Amino acid sequence: MDQKRLEAFEKMLAAVQKEYADMISSMNKMKADGKVKTVTYQQLMARKLMYQNMLSLYQIYGLVEESV
């Protein structure tokens, strides 16, 4: 059971980190295109903050190395 939980956690962590990186990339492109006032950009900002908070919690509890 512990091994399955660890594998599930590692899979979830990788997904969160990838999604976070993808959001940053999308936001940077939109910013370069001058689209920071669009609804899509604002939604990405909200999601970015949520994912950043999740990654920070993982970091606080020693589950990932500092990278946020």
PDB file of N, CA and C in Angstrom:
ATOM      1  N   MET A   1       0.819  -1.195   0.000  1.00  0.00           N
ATOM      2  CA  MET A   1       0.000   0.000   0.000  1.00  0.00           C
ATOM      3  C   MET A   1       0.868   1.265   0.000  1.00  0.00           C
ATOM      4  N   ASP A   2       1.927   1.273   0.815  1.00  0.00           N
ATOM      5  CA  ASP A   2       2.800   2.451   0.884  1.00  0.00           C
ATOM      6  C   ASP A   2       3.465   2.739  -0.454  1.00  0.00           C
ATOM      7  N   GLN A   3       3.858   1.692  -1.160  1.00  0.00           N
ATOM      8  CA  GLN A   3       4.505   1.874  -2.459  1.00  0.00           C
ATOM      9  C   GLN A   3       3.529   2.492  -3.455  1.00  0.00           C
ATOM     10  N   LYS A   4       2.275   2.063  -3.429  1.00  0.00           N
ATOM     11  CA  LYS A   4       1.269   2.622  -4.331  1.00  0.00           C
ATOM     12  C   LYS A   4       1.023   4.093  -4.018  1.00  0.00           C
ATOM     13  N   ARG A   5       0.991   4.425  -2.742  1.00  0.00           N
ATOM     14  CA  ARG A   5       0.797   5.826  -2.346  1.00  0.00           C
ATOM     15  C   ARG A   5       1.957   6.681  -2.805  1.00  0.00           C
ATOM     16  N   LEU A   6       3.175   6.171  -2.639  1.00  0.00           N
ATOM     17  CA  LEU A   6       4.362   6.908  -3.066  1.00  0.00           C
ATOM     18  C   LEU A   6       4.340   7.121  -4.582  1.00  0.00           C
ATOM     19  N   GLU A   7       4.001   6.079  -5.324  1.00  0.00           N
ATOM     20  CA  GLU A   7       3.930   6.193  -6.777  1.00  0.00           C
ATOM     21  C   GLU A   7       2.858   7.202  -7.191  1.00  0.00           C
ATOM     22  N   ALA A   8       1.711   7.173  -6.517  1.00  0.00           N
ATOM     23  CA  ALA A   8       0.633   8.114  -6.822  1.00  0.00           C
ATOM     24  C   ALA A   8       1.074   9.541  -6.513  1.00  0.00           C
ATOM     25  N   PHE A   9       1.765   9.728  -5.383  1.00  0.00           N
ATOM     26  CA  PHE A   9       2.260  11.055  -5.029  1.00  0.00           C
ATOM     27  C   PHE A   9       3.256  11.555  -6.066  1.00  0.00           C
ATOM     28  N   GLU A  10       4.199  10.706  -6.450  1.00  0.00           N
ATOM     29  CA  GLU A  10       5.215  11.108  -7.428  1.00  0.00           C
ATOM     30  C   GLU A  10       4.567  11.468  -8.764  1.00  0.00           C
ATOM     31  N   LYS A  11       3.557  10.715  -9.162  1.00  0.00           N
ATOM     32  CA  LYS A  11       2.848  10.999 -10.400  1.00  0.00           C
ATOM     33  C   LYS A  11       2.105  12.333 -10.312  1.00  0.00           C
ATOM     34  N   MET A  12       1.441  12.573  -9.178  1.00  0.00           N
ATOM     35  CA  MET A  12       0.712  13.819  -8.978  1.00  0.00           C
ATOM     36  C   MET A  12       1.683  15.001  -8.940  1.00  0.00           C
ATOM     37  N   LEU A  13       2.783  14.860  -8.232  1.00  0.00           N
ATOM     38  CA  LEU A  13       3.774  15.934  -8.138  1.00  0.00           C
ATOM     39  C   LEU A  13       4.314  16.293  -9.515  1.00  0.00           C
ATOM     40  N   ALA A  14       4.640  15.288 -10.311  1.00  0.00           N
ATOM     41  CA  ALA A  14       5.139  15.547 -11.658  1.00  0.00           C
ATOM     42  C   ALA A  14       4.097  16.278 -12.494  1.00  0.00           C
ATOM     43  N   ALA A  15       2.833  15.906 -12.352  1.00  0.00           N
ATOM     44  CA  ALA A  15       1.756  16.564 -13.100  1.00  0.00           C
ATOM     45  C   ALA A  15       1.609  18.023 -12.665  1.00  0.00           C
ATOM     46  N   VAL A  16       1.688  18.276 -11.367  1.00  0.00           N
ATOM     47  CA  VAL A  16       1.561  19.636 -10.846  1.00  0.00           C
ATOM     48  C   VAL A  16       2.738  20.493 -11.339  1.00  0.00           C
ATOM     49  N   GLN A  17       3.939  19.947 -11.279  1.00  0.00           N
ATOM     50  CA  GLN A  17       5.110  20.694 -11.729  1.00  0.00           C
ATOM     51  C   GLN A  17       5.045  20.987 -13.226  1.00  0.00           C
ATOM     52  N   LYS A  18       4.592  20.024 -14.025  1.00  0.00           N
ATOM     53  CA  LYS A  18       4.476  20.236 -15.463  1.00  0.00           C
ATOM     54  C   LYS A  18       3.408  21.282 -15.762  1.00  0.00           C
ATOM     55  N   GLU A  19       2.269  21.176 -15.111  1.00  0.00           N
ATOM     56  CA  GLU A  19       1.184  22.136 -15.326  1.00  0.00           C
ATOM     57  C   GLU A  19       1.641  23.553 -14.951  1.00  0.00           C
ATOM     58  N   TYR A  20       2.366  23.663 -13.846  1.00  0.00           N
ATOM     59  CA  TYR A  20       2.879  24.958 -13.400  1.00  0.00           C
ATOM     60  C   TYR A  20       3.825  25.548 -14.455  1.00  0.00           C
ATOM     61  N   ALA A  21       4.730  24.727 -14.948  1.00  0.00           N
ATOM     62  CA  ALA A  21       5.679  25.192 -15.969  1.00  0.00           C
ATOM     63  C   ALA A  21       4.951  25.592 -17.248  1.00  0.00           C
ATOM     64  N   ASP A  22       3.938  24.826 -17.635  1.00  0.00           N
ATOM     65  CA  ASP A  22       3.160  25.153 -18.830  1.00  0.00           C
ATOM     66  C   ASP A  22       2.418  26.482 -18.665  1.00  0.00           C
ATOM     67  N   MET A  23       1.875  26.708 -17.466  1.00  0.00           N
ATOM     68  CA  MET A  23       1.173  27.963 -17.203  1.00  0.00           C
ATOM     69  C   MET A  23       2.121  29.149 -17.301  1.00  0.00           C
ATOM     70  N   ILE A  24       3.296  29.018 -16.720  1.00  0.00           N
ATOM     71  CA  ILE A  24       4.299  30.083 -16.769  1.00  0.00           C
ATOM     72  C   ILE A  24       4.640  30.399 -18.226  1.00  0.00           C
ATOM     73  N   SER A  25       4.841  29.360 -19.012  1.00  0.00           N
ATOM     74  CA  SER A  25       5.172  29.536 -20.421  1.00  0.00           C
ATOM     75  C   SER A  25       4.047  30.258 -21.169  1.00  0.00           C
ATOM     76  N   SER A  26       2.826  29.826 -20.947  1.00  0.00           N
ATOM     77  CA  SER A  26       1.672  30.458 -21.596  1.00  0.00           C
ATOM     78  C   SER A  26       1.531  31.920 -21.183  1.00  0.00           C
ATOM     79  N   MET A  27       1.719  32.179 -19.898  1.00  0.00           N
ATOM     80  CA  MET A  27       1.601  33.544 -19.397  1.00  0.00           C
ATOM     81  C   MET A  27       2.689  34.439 -19.984  1.00  0.00           C
ATOM     82  N   ASN A  28       3.898  33.919 -20.088  1.00  0.00           N
ATOM     83  CA  ASN A  28       4.988  34.707 -20.669  1.00  0.00           C
ATOM     84  C   ASN A  28       4.710  35.054 -22.126  1.00  0.00           C
ATOM     85  N   LYS A  29       4.156  34.094 -22.877  1.00  0.00           N
ATOM     86  CA  LYS A  29       3.813  34.352 -24.269  1.00  0.00           C
ATOM     87  C   LYS A  29       2.713  35.403 -24.362  1.00  0.00           C
ATOM     88  N   MET A  30       1.689  35.267 -23.528  1.00  0.00           N
ATOM     89  CA  MET A  30       0.595  36.230 -23.541  1.00  0.00           C
ATOM     90  C   MET A  30       1.089  37.621 -23.147  1.00  0.00           C
ATOM     91  N   LYS A  31       1.993  37.658 -22.167  1.00  0.00           N
ATOM     92  CA  LYS A  31       2.551  38.945 -21.723  1.00  0.00           C
ATOM     93  C   LYS A  31       3.324  39.607 -22.864  1.00  0.00           C
ATOM     94  N   ALA A  32       4.088  38.805 -23.588  1.00  0.00           N
ATOM     95  CA  ALA A  32       4.848  39.343 -24.721  1.00  0.00           C
ATOM     96  C   ALA A  32       3.919  39.849 -25.822  1.00  0.00           C
ATOM     97  N   ASP A  33       2.750  39.241 -25.938  1.00  0.00           N
ATOM     98  CA  ASP A  33       1.763  39.655 -26.938  1.00  0.00           C
ATOM     99  C   ASP A  33       0.869  40.789 -26.441  1.00  0.00           C
ATOM    100  N   GLY A  34       1.096  41.263 -25.214  1.00  0.00           N
ATOM    101  CA  GLY A  34       0.317  42.358 -24.663  1.00  0.00           C
ATOM    102  C   GLY A  34      -1.096  41.970 -24.261  1.00  0.00           C
ATOM    103  N   LYS A  35      -1.276  40.713 -23.855  1.00  0.00           N
ATOM    104  CA  LYS A  35      -2.616  40.216 -23.517  1.00  0.00           C
ATOM    105  C   LYS A  35      -2.796  39.969 -22.019  1.00  0.00           C
ATOM    106  N   VAL A  36      -2.198  40.817 -21.212  1.00  0.00           N
ATOM    107  CA  VAL A  36      -2.272  40.614 -19.762  1.00  0.00           C
ATOM    108  C   VAL A  36      -3.617  41.009 -19.162  1.00  0.00           C
ATOM    109  N   LYS A  37      -4.425  41.703 -19.906  1.00  0.00           N
ATOM    110  CA  LYS A  37      -5.735  42.111 -19.374  1.00  0.00           C
ATOM    111  C   LYS A  37      -6.861  41.198 -19.839  1.00  0.00           C
ATOM    112  N   THR A  38      -6.513  40.104 -20.511  1.00  0.00           N
ATOM    113  CA  THR A  38      -7.542  39.180 -20.991  1.00  0.00           C
ATOM    114  C   THR A  38      -8.024  38.278 -19.860  1.00  0.00           C
ATOM    115  N   VAL A  39      -9.202  37.741 -20.029  1.00  0.00           N
ATOM    116  CA  VAL A  39      -9.764  36.825 -19.036  1.00  0.00           C
ATOM    117  C   VAL A  39      -8.899  35.570 -18.936  1.00  0.00           C
ATOM    118  N   THR A  40      -8.431  35.092 -20.064  1.00  0.00           N
ATOM    119  CA  THR A  40      -7.596  33.886 -20.069  1.00  0.00           C
ATOM    120  C   THR A  40      -6.337  34.096 -19.235  1.00  0.00           C
ATOM    121  N   TYR A  41      -5.696  35.243 -19.394  1.00  0.00           N
ATOM    122  CA  TYR A  41      -4.489  35.537 -18.628  1.00  0.00           C
ATOM    123  C   TYR A  41      -4.810  35.599 -17.138  1.00  0.00           C
ATOM    124  N   GLN A  42      -5.913  36.230 -16.792  1.00  0.00           N
ATOM    125  CA  GLN A  42      -6.299  36.338 -15.384  1.00  0.00           C
ATOM    126  C   GLN A  42      -6.602  34.964 -14.790  1.00  0.00           C
ATOM    127  N   GLN A  43      -7.232  34.088 -15.576  1.00  0.00           N
ATOM    128  CA  GLN A  43      -7.499  32.728 -15.111  1.00  0.00           C
ATOM    129  C   GLN A  43      -6.202  31.959 -14.909  1.00  0.00           C
ATOM    130  N   LEU A  44      -5.272  32.135 -15.835  1.00  0.00           N
ATOM    131  CA  LEU A  44      -3.969  31.486 -15.688  1.00  0.00           C
ATOM    132  C   LEU A  44      -3.255  31.996 -14.439  1.00  0.00           C
ATOM    133  N   MET A  45      -3.361  33.285 -14.165  1.00  0.00           N
ATOM    134  CA  MET A  45      -2.731  33.858 -12.974  1.00  0.00           C
ATOM    135  C   MET A  45      -3.306  33.225 -11.709  1.00  0.00           C
ATOM    136  N   ALA A  46      -4.617  33.057 -11.660  1.00  0.00           N
ATOM    137  CA  ALA A  46      -5.255  32.451 -10.491  1.00  0.00           C
ATOM    138  C   ALA A  46      -4.796  31.006 -10.327  1.00  0.00           C
ATOM    139  N   ARG A  47      -4.766  30.269 -11.421  1.00  0.00           N
ATOM    140  CA  ARG A  47      -4.318  28.875 -11.357  1.00  0.00           C
ATOM    141  C   ARG A  47      -2.846  28.796 -10.970  1.00  0.00           C
ATOM    142  N   LYS A  48      -2.038  29.705 -11.504  1.00  0.00           N
ATOM    143  CA  LYS A  48      -0.609  29.736 -11.178  1.00  0.00           C
ATOM    144  C   LYS A  48      -0.405  29.926  -9.675  1.00  0.00           C
ATOM    145  N   LEU A  49      -1.164  30.846  -9.101  1.00  0.00           N
ATOM    146  CA  LEU A  49      -1.037  31.087  -7.660  1.00  0.00           C
ATOM    147  C   LEU A  49      -1.450  29.865  -6.850  1.00  0.00           C
ATOM    148  N   MET A  50      -2.492  29.168  -7.285  1.00  0.00           N
ATOM    149  CA  MET A  50      -2.939  27.963  -6.590  1.00  0.00           C
ATOM    150  C   MET A  50      -1.859  26.875  -6.664  1.00  0.00           C
ATOM    151  N   TYR A  51      -1.313  26.664  -7.858  1.00  0.00           N
ATOM    152  CA  TYR A  51      -0.282  25.638  -8.022  1.00  0.00           C
ATOM    153  C   TYR A  51       0.998  26.031  -7.276  1.00  0.00           C
ATOM    154  N   GLN A  52       1.318  27.312  -7.277  1.00  0.00           N
ATOM    155  CA  GLN A  52       2.492  27.788  -6.557  1.00  0.00           C
ATOM    156  C   GLN A  52       2.330  27.515  -5.060  1.00  0.00           C
ATOM    157  N   ASN A  53       1.123  27.716  -4.548  1.00  0.00           N
ATOM    158  CA  ASN A  53       0.844  27.436  -3.156  1.00  0.00           C
ATOM    159  C   ASN A  53       0.998  25.944  -2.851  1.00  0.00           C
ATOM    160  N   MET A  54       0.497  25.099  -3.747  1.00  0.00           N
ATOM    161  CA  MET A  54       0.637  23.651  -3.565  1.00  0.00           C
ATOM    162  C   MET A  54       2.111  23.256  -3.520  1.00  0.00           C
ATOM    163  N   LEU A  55       2.890  23.763  -4.466  1.00  0.00           N
ATOM    164  CA  LEU A  55       4.311  23.430  -4.506  1.00  0.00           C
ATOM    165  C   LEU A  55       5.041  23.957  -3.263  1.00  0.00           C
ATOM    166  N   SER A  56       4.626  25.111  -2.776  1.00  0.00           N
ATOM    167  CA  SER A  56       5.227  25.665  -1.555  1.00  0.00           C
ATOM    168  C   SER A  56       4.927  24.779  -0.350  1.00  0.00           C
ATOM    169  N   LEU A  57       3.715  24.256  -0.275  1.00  0.00           N
ATOM    170  CA  LEU A  57       3.371  23.347   0.826  1.00  0.00           C
ATOM    171  C   LEU A  57       4.209  22.078   0.772  1.00  0.00           C
ATOM    172  N   TYR A  58       4.393  21.532  -0.423  1.00  0.00           N
ATOM    173  CA  TYR A  58       5.249  20.344  -0.569  1.00  0.00           C
ATOM    174  C   TYR A  58       6.654  20.656  -0.076  1.00  0.00           C
ATOM    175  N   GLN A  59       7.106  21.858  -0.392  1.00  0.00           N
ATOM    176  CA  GLN A  59       8.447  22.282   0.009  1.00  0.00           C
ATOM    177  C   GLN A  59       8.537  22.430   1.528  1.00  0.00           C
ATOM    178  N   ILE A  60       7.550  23.035   2.129  1.00  0.00           N
ATOM    179  CA  ILE A  60       7.525  23.243   3.588  1.00  0.00           C
ATOM    180  C   ILE A  60       7.620  21.911   4.320  1.00  0.00           C
ATOM    181  N   TYR A  61       6.909  20.902   3.813  1.00  0.00           N
ATOM    182  CA  TYR A  61       6.895  19.603   4.461  1.00  0.00           C
ATOM    183  C   TYR A  61       8.039  18.700   4.019  1.00  0.00           C
ATOM    184  N   GLY A  62       8.979  19.248   3.252  1.00  0.00           N
ATOM    185  CA  GLY A  62      10.159  18.503   2.871  1.00  0.00           C
ATOM    186  C   GLY A  62       9.907  17.430   1.822  1.00  0.00           C
ATOM    187  N   LEU A  63       8.859  17.586   1.049  1.00  0.00           N
ATOM    188  CA  LEU A  63       8.518  16.582   0.051  1.00  0.00           C
ATOM    189  C   LEU A  63       9.175  16.854  -1.302  1.00  0.00           C
ATOM    190  N   VAL A  64       9.626  18.093  -1.495  1.00  0.00           N
ATOM    191  CA  VAL A  64      10.373  18.448  -2.715  1.00  0.00           C
ATOM    192  C   VAL A  64      11.474  19.421  -2.317  1.00  0.00           C
ATOM    193  N   GLU A  65      12.460  19.508  -3.209  1.00  0.00           N
ATOM    194  CA  GLU A  65      13.548  20.457  -2.967  1.00  0.00           C
ATOM    195  C   GLU A  65      13.062  21.859  -3.330  1.00  0.00           C
ATOM    196  N   GLU A  66      13.736  22.862  -2.809  1.00  0.00           N
ATOM    197  CA  GLU A  66      13.365  24.249  -3.093  1.00  0.00           C
ATOM    198  C   GLU A  66      13.556  24.544  -4.576  1.00  0.00           C
ATOM    199  N   SER A  67      12.463  24.993  -5.210  1.00  0.00           N
ATOM    200  CA  SER A  67      12.560  25.352  -6.617  1.00  0.00           C
ATOM    201  C   SER A  67      11.496  26.381  -7.007  1.00  0.00           C
ATOM    202  N   VAL A  68      10.600  26.725  -6.103  1.00  0.00           N
ATOM    203  CA  VAL A  68       9.512  27.676  -6.423  1.00  0.00           C
ATOM    204  C   VAL A  68       9.975  29.076  -6.126  1.00  0.00           C
TER     205      VAL A  68
END
